[in-house]
Amino acid sequence: MALDTGQNQTETEFVCEEQFNERHDQENPLWTRERIEEAITAIELFKLANKQYYYGKKYDLMEVGTKKPLILKRKSDSDPAVKIVPTEEFYHILRKLQ
């Protein structure tokens, strides 16, 4: 965008950044830095909520004394509880079964 230093300045030319920002804010005030940050935060929260929904739909907690192991959600109370164990414990669990 070229600046006209003469007296014939058109409406699309701006003298300085301040004037440009002032004009731009009047035409489209929606996407300020603050608004963009709010949108990013909202999207992150939305993704987190979807992940929580996924886990809540597929998994459950079972209270065993003071512990709450993660289990696959059961369709009925008569279904067996399938505990989710960390891979770091696989070897030790398999050794106990022998």
N, C-alpha and C. Protein backbone atom coordinates (compact mmCIF):
# COMPACT_ATOMS: atom_id res chain seq x y z
N MET A 1 0.86 -1.16 0.00
CA MET A 1 0.00 0.00 0.00
C MET A 1 0.91 1.23 0.00
N ALA A 2 0.78 2.08 -0.97
CA ALA A 2 1.64 3.26 -1.10
C ALA A 2 1.02 4.43 -0.34
N LEU A 3 1.87 5.22 0.25
CA LEU A 3 1.42 6.43 0.94
C LEU A 3 1.58 7.62 0.01
N ASP A 4 0.58 8.43 -0.03
CA ASP A 4 0.62 9.65 -0.83
C ASP A 4 1.02 10.79 0.10
N THR A 5 2.14 11.41 -0.18
CA THR A 5 2.59 12.50 0.69
C THR A 5 1.99 13.84 0.28
N GLY A 6 1.26 13.87 -0.81
CA GLY A 6 0.63 15.11 -1.26
C GLY A 6 -0.72 15.31 -0.60
N GLN A 7 -1.46 16.31 -1.11
CA GLN A 7 -2.76 16.61 -0.52
C GLN A 7 -3.86 15.67 -1.01
N ASN A 8 -3.64 14.88 -2.06
CA ASN A 8 -4.66 13.98 -2.62
C ASN A 8 -4.59 12.60 -1.97
N GLN A 9 -4.90 12.50 -0.70
CA GLN A 9 -4.87 11.22 -0.01
C GLN A 9 -6.24 10.54 -0.15
N THR A 10 -6.24 9.28 -0.63
CA THR A 10 -7.50 8.57 -0.80
C THR A 10 -7.87 7.87 0.50
N GLU A 11 -9.08 7.32 0.57
CA GLU A 11 -9.57 6.68 1.79
C GLU A 11 -8.84 5.38 2.11
N THR A 12 -8.22 4.73 1.12
CA THR A 12 -7.55 3.47 1.37
C THR A 12 -6.11 3.66 1.84
N GLU A 13 -5.60 4.83 1.88
CA GLU A 13 -4.25 5.08 2.33
C GLU A 13 -4.27 5.56 3.78
N PHE A 14 -3.26 5.17 4.55
CA PHE A 14 -3.20 5.51 5.95
C PHE A 14 -1.89 6.23 6.25
N VAL A 15 -1.98 7.21 7.12
CA VAL A 15 -0.81 7.99 7.46
C VAL A 15 0.09 7.24 8.43
N CYS A 16 -0.49 6.53 9.39
CA CYS A 16 0.32 5.84 10.39
C CYS A 16 -0.41 4.59 10.87
N GLU A 17 0.30 3.79 11.65
CA GLU A 17 -0.27 2.56 12.19
C GLU A 17 -1.48 2.84 13.07
N GLU A 18 -1.41 3.89 13.85
CA GLU A 18 -2.52 4.27 14.74
C GLU A 18 -3.79 4.51 13.94
N GLN A 19 -3.67 5.25 12.86
CA GLN A 19 -4.82 5.56 12.02
C GLN A 19 -5.34 4.28 11.36
N PHE A 20 -4.42 3.42 10.90
CA PHE A 20 -4.81 2.16 10.29
C PHE A 20 -5.60 1.31 11.29
N ASN A 21 -5.07 1.15 12.51
CA ASN A 21 -5.74 0.34 13.54
C ASN A 21 -7.09 0.90 13.91
N GLU A 22 -7.18 2.21 14.01
CA GLU A 22 -8.44 2.85 14.35
C GLU A 22 -9.49 2.55 13.29
N ARG A 23 -9.11 2.67 12.05
CA ARG A 23 -10.03 2.41 10.94
C ARG A 23 -10.40 0.93 10.88
N HIS A 24 -9.42 0.07 11.04
CA HIS A 24 -9.65 -1.36 10.98
C HIS A 24 -10.58 -1.80 12.11
N ASP A 25 -10.40 -1.28 13.32
CA ASP A 25 -11.25 -1.62 14.46
C ASP A 25 -12.70 -1.24 14.21
N GLN A 26 -12.93 -0.15 13.49
CA GLN A 26 -14.30 0.27 13.20
C GLN A 26 -14.95 -0.68 12.21
N GLU A 27 -14.16 -1.21 11.27
CA GLU A 27 -14.71 -2.08 10.24
C GLU A 27 -14.90 -3.52 10.73
N ASN A 28 -14.01 -4.02 11.57
CA ASN A 28 -14.05 -5.42 11.99
C ASN A 28 -13.50 -5.55 13.40
N PRO A 29 -14.30 -5.25 14.41
CA PRO A 29 -13.80 -5.24 15.79
C PRO A 29 -13.76 -6.62 16.46
N LEU A 30 -14.07 -7.70 15.77
CA LEU A 30 -14.25 -8.98 16.42
C LEU A 30 -12.97 -9.70 16.86
N TRP A 31 -11.94 -9.75 16.04
CA TRP A 31 -10.79 -10.62 16.32
C TRP A 31 -9.60 -9.86 16.89
N THR A 32 -9.73 -9.44 18.14
CA THR A 32 -8.62 -8.84 18.85
C THR A 32 -7.75 -9.97 19.40
N ARG A 33 -6.56 -9.66 19.89
CA ARG A 33 -5.71 -10.69 20.49
C ARG A 33 -6.43 -11.39 21.64
N GLU A 34 -7.12 -10.61 22.44
CA GLU A 34 -7.85 -11.17 23.58
C GLU A 34 -8.92 -12.15 23.10
N ARG A 35 -9.64 -11.79 22.07
CA ARG A 35 -10.69 -12.66 21.53
C ARG A 35 -10.11 -13.93 20.95
N ILE A 36 -8.97 -13.81 20.25
CA ILE A 36 -8.30 -14.99 19.69
C ILE A 36 -7.86 -15.92 20.82
N GLU A 37 -7.28 -15.37 21.88
CA GLU A 37 -6.87 -16.18 23.04
C GLU A 37 -8.07 -16.87 23.68
N GLU A 38 -9.20 -16.16 23.77
CA GLU A 38 -10.42 -16.76 24.31
C GLU A 38 -10.88 -17.93 23.45
N ALA A 39 -10.81 -17.77 22.13
CA ALA A 39 -11.22 -18.83 21.21
C ALA A 39 -10.30 -20.04 21.34
N ILE A 40 -9.00 -19.80 21.45
CA ILE A 40 -8.04 -20.89 21.61
C ILE A 40 -8.33 -21.65 22.91
N THR A 41 -8.56 -20.92 23.99
CA THR A 41 -8.87 -21.54 25.28
C THR A 41 -10.15 -22.35 25.19
N ALA A 42 -11.17 -21.80 24.54
CA ALA A 42 -12.45 -22.50 24.41
C ALA A 42 -12.28 -23.79 23.61
N ILE A 43 -11.48 -23.75 22.55
CA ILE A 43 -11.25 -24.95 21.73
C ILE A 43 -10.50 -26.00 22.54
N GLU A 44 -9.50 -25.57 23.31
CA GLU A 44 -8.75 -26.51 24.15
C GLU A 44 -9.67 -27.16 25.18
N LEU A 45 -10.54 -26.36 25.81
CA LEU A 45 -11.49 -26.91 26.79
C LEU A 45 -12.47 -27.87 26.13
N PHE A 46 -12.91 -27.53 24.92
CA PHE A 46 -13.82 -28.40 24.17
C PHE A 46 -13.16 -29.75 23.90
N LYS A 47 -11.89 -29.72 23.48
CA LYS A 47 -11.17 -30.97 23.21
C LYS A 47 -11.00 -31.78 24.49
N LEU A 48 -10.71 -31.10 25.60
CA LEU A 48 -10.56 -31.78 26.88
C LEU A 48 -11.90 -32.41 27.30
N ALA A 49 -12.98 -31.66 27.13
CA ALA A 49 -14.30 -32.19 27.50
C ALA A 49 -14.64 -33.41 26.66
N ASN A 50 -14.31 -33.39 25.37
CA ASN A 50 -14.57 -34.55 24.51
C ASN A 50 -13.77 -35.75 24.97
N LYS A 51 -12.52 -35.51 25.37
CA LYS A 51 -11.69 -36.61 25.86
C LYS A 51 -12.27 -37.16 27.16
N GLN A 52 -12.72 -36.27 28.05
CA GLN A 52 -13.32 -36.71 29.30
C GLN A 52 -14.61 -37.50 29.02
N TYR A 53 -15.38 -37.04 28.06
CA TYR A 53 -16.61 -37.74 27.68
C TYR A 53 -16.27 -39.15 27.19
N TYR A 54 -15.23 -39.24 26.35
CA TYR A 54 -14.81 -40.53 25.81
C TYR A 54 -14.44 -41.48 26.96
N TYR A 55 -13.59 -41.02 27.88
CA TYR A 55 -13.18 -41.85 29.01
C TYR A 55 -14.37 -42.22 29.89
N GLY A 56 -15.23 -41.27 30.16
CA GLY A 56 -16.40 -41.52 31.00
C GLY A 56 -17.36 -42.51 30.39
N LYS A 57 -17.43 -42.54 29.07
CA LYS A 57 -18.33 -43.45 28.38
C LYS A 57 -17.76 -44.88 28.33
N LYS A 58 -16.44 -44.99 28.26
CA LYS A 58 -15.80 -46.29 28.06
C LYS A 58 -15.28 -46.92 29.36
N TYR A 59 -14.90 -46.09 30.33
CA TYR A 59 -14.26 -46.60 31.55
C TYR A 59 -15.04 -46.15 32.79
N ASP A 60 -14.72 -46.83 33.91
CA ASP A 60 -15.36 -46.51 35.18
C ASP A 60 -14.34 -46.73 36.29
N LEU A 61 -14.70 -46.34 37.50
CA LEU A 61 -13.87 -46.58 38.67
C LEU A 61 -14.59 -47.57 39.57
N MET A 62 -13.81 -48.43 40.19
CA MET A 62 -14.38 -49.38 41.15
C MET A 62 -13.71 -49.12 42.49
N GLU A 63 -14.51 -48.95 43.51
CA GLU A 63 -13.94 -48.70 44.83
C GLU A 63 -13.58 -50.02 45.51
N VAL A 64 -12.30 -50.16 45.82
CA VAL A 64 -11.81 -51.34 46.52
C VAL A 64 -11.03 -50.83 47.73
N GLY A 65 -11.69 -50.75 48.85
CA GLY A 65 -11.07 -50.15 50.04
C GLY A 65 -10.82 -48.67 49.79
N THR A 66 -9.58 -48.28 49.93
CA THR A 66 -9.22 -46.87 49.67
C THR A 66 -8.75 -46.65 48.24
N LYS A 67 -8.61 -47.73 47.48
CA LYS A 67 -8.14 -47.62 46.09
C LYS A 67 -9.32 -47.53 45.14
N LYS A 68 -9.07 -46.91 43.99
CA LYS A 68 -10.09 -46.79 42.94
C LYS A 68 -9.48 -47.20 41.60
N PRO A 69 -9.42 -48.51 41.34
CA PRO A 69 -8.82 -48.94 40.07
C PRO A 69 -9.73 -48.58 38.88
N LEU A 70 -9.09 -48.34 37.76
CA LEU A 70 -9.78 -48.06 36.50
C LEU A 70 -10.24 -49.38 35.91
N ILE A 71 -11.51 -49.45 35.50
CA ILE A 71 -12.04 -50.67 34.88
C ILE A 71 -12.79 -50.30 33.60
N LEU A 72 -12.98 -51.31 32.75
CA LEU A 72 -13.86 -51.12 31.59
C LEU A 72 -15.28 -50.99 32.10
N LYS A 73 -16.04 -50.10 31.53
CA LYS A 73 -17.43 -49.93 31.94
C LYS A 73 -18.20 -51.22 31.66
N ARG A 74 -18.98 -51.63 32.65
CA ARG A 74 -19.75 -52.87 32.52
C ARG A 74 -21.18 -52.53 32.11
N LYS A 75 -21.79 -53.41 31.31
CA LYS A 75 -23.18 -53.20 30.90
C LYS A 75 -24.14 -53.49 32.03
N SER A 76 -23.73 -54.42 32.91
CA SER A 76 -24.56 -54.72 34.09
C SER A 76 -23.62 -55.08 35.24
N ASP A 77 -24.15 -55.03 36.44
CA ASP A 77 -23.35 -55.34 37.62
C ASP A 77 -22.89 -56.80 37.65
N SER A 78 -23.59 -57.66 36.93
CA SER A 78 -23.21 -59.08 36.91
C SER A 78 -22.03 -59.36 35.97
N ASP A 79 -21.72 -58.41 35.08
CA ASP A 79 -20.56 -58.58 34.19
C ASP A 79 -19.28 -58.51 35.02
N PRO A 80 -18.25 -59.27 34.61
CA PRO A 80 -16.99 -59.23 35.36
C PRO A 80 -16.31 -57.85 35.21
N ALA A 81 -15.60 -57.45 36.25
CA ALA A 81 -14.85 -56.19 36.19
C ALA A 81 -13.51 -56.46 35.52
N VAL A 82 -13.20 -55.69 34.50
CA VAL A 82 -11.93 -55.82 33.80
C VAL A 82 -11.08 -54.62 34.18
N LYS A 83 -10.06 -54.90 35.00
CA LYS A 83 -9.19 -53.82 35.50
C LYS A 83 -8.18 -53.43 34.43
N ILE A 84 -7.96 -52.14 34.29
CA ILE A 84 -6.95 -51.61 33.38
C ILE A 84 -5.66 -51.46 34.19
N VAL A 85 -4.62 -52.15 33.74
CA VAL A 85 -3.34 -52.08 34.46
C VAL A 85 -2.28 -51.44 33.58
N PRO A 86 -1.33 -50.75 34.19
CA PRO A 86 -0.26 -50.14 33.40
C PRO A 86 0.67 -51.20 32.81
N THR A 87 1.20 -50.90 31.65
CA THR A 87 2.10 -51.85 30.97
C THR A 87 3.33 -52.17 31.83
N GLU A 88 3.71 -51.25 32.68
CA GLU A 88 4.87 -51.48 33.54
C GLU A 88 4.62 -52.63 34.53
N GLU A 89 3.37 -52.98 34.75
CA GLU A 89 3.03 -54.05 35.70
C GLU A 89 2.76 -55.39 35.02
N PHE A 90 2.73 -55.43 33.68
CA PHE A 90 2.42 -56.66 32.95
C PHE A 90 3.31 -57.83 33.39
N TYR A 91 4.60 -57.64 33.38
CA TYR A 91 5.54 -58.71 33.69
C TYR A 91 5.27 -59.30 35.06
N HIS A 92 5.10 -58.42 36.04
CA HIS A 92 4.90 -58.90 37.42
C HIS A 92 3.56 -59.65 37.56
N ILE A 93 2.55 -59.16 36.88
CA ILE A 93 1.24 -59.83 36.92
C ILE A 93 1.34 -61.21 36.28
N LEU A 94 2.00 -61.31 35.14
CA LEU A 94 2.15 -62.58 34.46
C LEU A 94 3.00 -63.56 35.29
N ARG A 95 4.00 -63.06 35.97
CA ARG A 95 4.83 -63.92 36.83
C ARG A 95 4.00 -64.50 37.98
N LYS A 96 3.09 -63.72 38.51
CA LYS A 96 2.24 -64.19 39.62
C LYS A 96 1.29 -65.30 39.15
N LEU A 97 0.90 -65.26 37.87
CA LEU A 97 -0.04 -66.26 37.34
C LEU A 97 0.61 -67.62 37.12
N GLN A 98 1.94 -67.67 37.07
CA GLN A 98 2.63 -68.94 36.79
C GLN A 98 2.67 -69.84 38.00
